[in-house]
């Protein structure tokens, strides 16, 4: 479950592509401008950024659920209990 959420954050980060877009989106998600600039222009890899505290604070589990990125392990457990 944790791995899957990190993978989703990595996918979202990768979709933003340009540093300018990353900075703007991080700022929209509540990260202070100076910190958004710092992380948006980072040259760290996608996986490393996905595990960063900045992305975990801005793209929370609740926001992933609101965007309909479902908790697949929980759904699997529910389906498994039905059979």
N, C-alpha and C. Protein backbone atom coordinates (compact mmCIF):
# COMPACT_ATOMS: atom_id res chain seq x y z
N UNK A 1 0.83 -1.19 0.00
CA UNK A 1 0.00 0.00 0.00
C UNK A 1 0.88 1.26 0.00
N UNK A 2 1.89 1.27 0.85
CA UNK A 2 2.79 2.43 0.90
C UNK A 2 3.54 2.57 -0.42
N UNK A 3 4.00 1.43 -0.93
CA UNK A 3 4.73 1.44 -2.19
C UNK A 3 3.85 1.97 -3.31
N UNK A 4 2.59 1.57 -3.32
CA UNK A 4 1.67 1.98 -4.37
C UNK A 4 1.40 3.49 -4.31
N UNK A 5 1.23 4.03 -3.10
CA UNK A 5 1.02 5.48 -2.96
C UNK A 5 2.25 6.25 -3.42
N UNK A 6 3.42 5.74 -3.09
CA UNK A 6 4.65 6.40 -3.54
C UNK A 6 4.75 6.35 -5.06
N UNK A 7 4.36 5.23 -5.63
CA UNK A 7 4.38 5.09 -7.08
C UNK A 7 3.42 6.08 -7.74
N UNK A 8 2.25 6.28 -7.14
CA UNK A 8 1.28 7.25 -7.67
C UNK A 8 1.84 8.67 -7.59
N UNK A 9 2.50 8.99 -6.47
CA UNK A 9 3.12 10.32 -6.34
C UNK A 9 4.21 10.50 -7.39
N UNK A 10 4.96 9.45 -7.66
CA UNK A 10 6.00 9.52 -8.68
C UNK A 10 5.38 9.77 -10.05
N UNK A 11 4.28 9.10 -10.33
CA UNK A 11 3.58 9.27 -11.61
C UNK A 11 3.08 10.71 -11.76
N UNK A 12 2.51 11.26 -10.70
CA UNK A 12 2.01 12.64 -10.74
C UNK A 12 3.18 13.60 -10.96
N UNK A 13 4.26 13.40 -10.22
CA UNK A 13 5.45 14.26 -10.35
C UNK A 13 5.99 14.21 -11.78
N UNK A 14 5.99 13.03 -12.37
CA UNK A 14 6.49 12.85 -13.72
C UNK A 14 5.58 13.54 -14.74
N UNK A 15 4.28 13.57 -14.48
CA UNK A 15 3.33 14.22 -15.38
C UNK A 15 3.55 15.72 -15.44
N UNK A 16 4.01 16.31 -14.36
CA UNK A 16 4.19 17.76 -14.32
C UNK A 16 5.33 18.23 -15.22
N UNK A 17 6.26 17.36 -15.54
CA UNK A 17 7.36 17.54 -16.50
C UNK A 17 8.31 18.69 -16.23
N UNK A 18 7.88 19.94 -16.42
CA UNK A 18 8.80 21.07 -16.34
C UNK A 18 8.92 21.60 -14.91
N UNK A 19 10.10 22.12 -14.56
CA UNK A 19 10.28 22.68 -13.22
C UNK A 19 9.26 23.77 -12.88
N UNK A 20 8.94 24.61 -13.85
CA UNK A 20 7.98 25.70 -13.61
C UNK A 20 6.61 25.13 -13.20
N UNK A 21 6.18 24.09 -13.88
CA UNK A 21 4.90 23.45 -13.57
C UNK A 21 4.95 22.81 -12.19
N UNK A 22 6.06 22.19 -11.86
CA UNK A 22 6.22 21.55 -10.55
C UNK A 22 6.12 22.59 -9.44
N UNK A 23 6.79 23.72 -9.62
CA UNK A 23 6.76 24.79 -8.62
C UNK A 23 5.34 25.32 -8.45
N UNK A 24 4.67 25.59 -9.56
CA UNK A 24 3.30 26.11 -9.50
C UNK A 24 2.36 25.14 -8.80
N UNK A 25 2.43 23.88 -9.15
CA UNK A 25 1.53 22.89 -8.56
C UNK A 25 1.82 22.65 -7.08
N UNK A 26 3.09 22.63 -6.71
CA UNK A 26 3.43 22.48 -5.29
C UNK A 26 2.90 23.66 -4.49
N UNK A 27 3.03 24.86 -5.05
CA UNK A 27 2.54 26.06 -4.37
C UNK A 27 1.02 26.02 -4.23
N UNK A 28 0.33 25.55 -5.27
CA UNK A 28 -1.13 25.41 -5.21
C UNK A 28 -1.55 24.41 -4.13
N UNK A 29 -0.71 23.42 -3.90
CA UNK A 29 -1.03 22.38 -2.92
C UNK A 29 -0.61 22.76 -1.50
N UNK A 30 -0.17 24.00 -1.31
CA UNK A 30 0.08 24.49 0.04
C UNK A 30 1.53 24.50 0.50
N UNK A 31 2.46 24.25 -0.37
CA UNK A 31 3.88 24.30 -0.02
C UNK A 31 4.34 25.74 -0.17
N UNK A 32 5.09 26.28 0.82
CA UNK A 32 5.59 27.65 0.70
C UNK A 32 6.38 27.84 -0.59
N UNK A 33 6.32 29.05 -1.13
CA UNK A 33 6.92 29.31 -2.45
C UNK A 33 8.41 28.99 -2.51
N UNK A 34 9.15 29.35 -1.47
CA UNK A 34 10.59 29.11 -1.49
C UNK A 34 10.89 27.61 -1.50
N UNK A 35 10.09 26.84 -0.76
CA UNK A 35 10.30 25.39 -0.71
C UNK A 35 9.84 24.73 -2.01
N UNK A 36 8.76 25.24 -2.58
CA UNK A 36 8.27 24.72 -3.87
C UNK A 36 9.33 24.95 -4.94
N UNK A 37 9.97 26.13 -4.91
CA UNK A 37 11.02 26.44 -5.89
C UNK A 37 12.20 25.49 -5.71
N UNK A 38 12.56 25.26 -4.45
CA UNK A 38 13.69 24.38 -4.15
C UNK A 38 13.46 22.96 -4.66
N UNK A 39 12.29 22.41 -4.37
CA UNK A 39 11.99 21.03 -4.76
C UNK A 39 11.61 20.92 -6.23
N UNK A 40 10.95 21.92 -6.75
CA UNK A 40 10.55 21.89 -8.16
C UNK A 40 11.73 21.91 -9.10
N UNK A 41 12.83 22.51 -8.66
CA UNK A 41 14.04 22.59 -9.48
C UNK A 41 15.08 21.54 -9.09
N UNK A 42 14.69 20.60 -8.26
CA UNK A 42 15.60 19.56 -7.81
C UNK A 42 15.93 18.61 -8.96
N UNK A 43 17.15 18.11 -8.95
CA UNK A 43 17.57 17.17 -9.98
C UNK A 43 17.55 15.73 -9.48
N UNK A 44 16.95 15.52 -8.32
CA UNK A 44 16.83 14.16 -7.80
C UNK A 44 15.88 13.37 -8.70
N UNK A 45 16.00 12.08 -8.68
CA UNK A 45 15.17 11.22 -9.52
C UNK A 45 13.71 11.22 -9.07
N UNK A 46 12.84 10.73 -9.94
CA UNK A 46 11.41 10.71 -9.67
C UNK A 46 11.08 9.91 -8.41
N UNK A 47 11.70 8.75 -8.27
CA UNK A 47 11.41 7.89 -7.13
C UNK A 47 11.85 8.55 -5.83
N UNK A 48 12.99 9.19 -5.86
CA UNK A 48 13.52 9.86 -4.66
C UNK A 48 12.61 11.02 -4.24
N UNK A 49 12.15 11.81 -5.21
CA UNK A 49 11.25 12.92 -4.92
C UNK A 49 9.91 12.40 -4.40
N UNK A 50 9.43 11.29 -4.96
CA UNK A 50 8.14 10.73 -4.54
C UNK A 50 8.16 10.35 -3.07
N UNK A 51 9.32 10.00 -2.54
CA UNK A 51 9.44 9.65 -1.14
C UNK A 51 9.78 10.82 -0.24
N UNK A 52 9.87 12.01 -0.81
CA UNK A 52 10.26 13.19 -0.03
C UNK A 52 9.12 13.67 0.86
N UNK A 53 9.46 14.33 1.96
CA UNK A 53 8.41 14.87 2.84
C UNK A 53 7.56 15.93 2.15
N UNK A 54 8.14 16.66 1.21
CA UNK A 54 7.39 17.72 0.53
C UNK A 54 6.25 17.12 -0.29
N UNK A 55 6.52 16.09 -1.04
CA UNK A 55 5.46 15.48 -1.85
C UNK A 55 4.46 14.73 -0.98
N UNK A 56 4.92 14.14 0.11
CA UNK A 56 3.99 13.45 1.02
C UNK A 56 3.05 14.43 1.70
N UNK A 57 3.54 15.65 1.98
CA UNK A 57 2.69 16.67 2.61
C UNK A 57 1.75 17.32 1.62
N UNK A 58 2.19 17.47 0.37
CA UNK A 58 1.35 18.16 -0.61
C UNK A 58 0.35 17.21 -1.28
N UNK A 59 0.78 16.01 -1.61
CA UNK A 59 -0.12 15.02 -2.21
C UNK A 59 -0.39 13.96 -1.14
N UNK A 60 -1.32 14.27 -0.26
CA UNK A 60 -1.63 13.39 0.87
C UNK A 60 -2.46 12.19 0.42
N UNK A 61 -2.59 11.24 1.32
CA UNK A 61 -3.41 10.06 1.02
C UNK A 61 -4.86 10.46 0.77
N UNK A 62 -5.33 11.47 1.50
CA UNK A 62 -6.70 11.95 1.33
C UNK A 62 -6.89 12.56 -0.06
N UNK A 63 -5.90 13.31 -0.52
CA UNK A 63 -6.00 13.91 -1.86
C UNK A 63 -5.95 12.84 -2.94
N UNK A 64 -5.18 11.80 -2.71
CA UNK A 64 -5.16 10.70 -3.67
C UNK A 64 -6.53 10.02 -3.73
N UNK A 65 -7.16 9.86 -2.57
CA UNK A 65 -8.49 9.24 -2.53
C UNK A 65 -9.52 10.14 -3.21
N UNK A 66 -9.42 11.46 -3.00
CA UNK A 66 -10.35 12.39 -3.65
C UNK A 66 -10.18 12.38 -5.16
N UNK A 67 -8.97 12.15 -5.62
CA UNK A 67 -8.70 12.08 -7.06
C UNK A 67 -9.03 10.70 -7.62
N UNK A 68 -9.65 9.87 -6.79
CA UNK A 68 -10.10 8.53 -7.16
C UNK A 68 -8.97 7.57 -7.47
N UNK A 69 -7.83 7.77 -6.82
CA UNK A 69 -6.78 6.76 -6.84
C UNK A 69 -7.08 5.87 -5.64
N UNK A 70 -7.73 4.78 -5.89
CA UNK A 70 -8.24 3.94 -4.82
C UNK A 70 -7.13 3.20 -4.09
N UNK A 71 -7.45 2.81 -2.87
CA UNK A 71 -6.54 2.01 -2.07
C UNK A 71 -6.72 0.55 -2.48
N UNK A 72 -5.94 0.11 -3.45
CA UNK A 72 -6.11 -1.22 -4.03
C UNK A 72 -5.95 -2.36 -3.02
N UNK A 73 -4.97 -2.33 -2.13
CA UNK A 73 -4.86 -3.43 -1.16
C UNK A 73 -6.11 -3.55 -0.27
N UNK A 74 -6.69 -2.42 0.13
CA UNK A 74 -7.90 -2.47 0.96
C UNK A 74 -9.07 -3.04 0.16
N UNK A 75 -9.18 -2.66 -1.09
CA UNK A 75 -10.25 -3.20 -1.94
C UNK A 75 -10.06 -4.69 -2.16
N UNK A 76 -8.83 -5.11 -2.34
CA UNK A 76 -8.55 -6.53 -2.52
C UNK A 76 -8.98 -7.32 -1.29
N UNK A 77 -8.65 -6.80 -0.11
CA UNK A 77 -9.03 -7.47 1.13
C UNK A 77 -10.55 -7.59 1.26
N UNK A 78 -11.27 -6.53 0.88
CA UNK A 78 -12.73 -6.57 0.94
C UNK A 78 -13.27 -7.64 -0.01
N UNK A 79 -12.75 -7.70 -1.21
CA UNK A 79 -13.20 -8.70 -2.18
C UNK A 79 -12.85 -10.12 -1.72
N UNK A 80 -11.71 -10.25 -1.12
CA UNK A 80 -11.27 -11.56 -0.65
C UNK A 80 -12.17 -12.08 0.46
N UNK A 81 -12.65 -11.17 1.31
CA UNK A 81 -13.54 -11.57 2.41
C UNK A 81 -14.91 -11.99 1.90
N UNK A 82 -15.30 -11.49 0.73
CA UNK A 82 -16.60 -11.85 0.17
C UNK A 82 -16.62 -13.29 -0.34
N UNK A 83 -15.49 -13.80 -0.74
CA UNK A 83 -15.45 -15.16 -1.33
C UNK A 83 -15.03 -16.19 -0.34
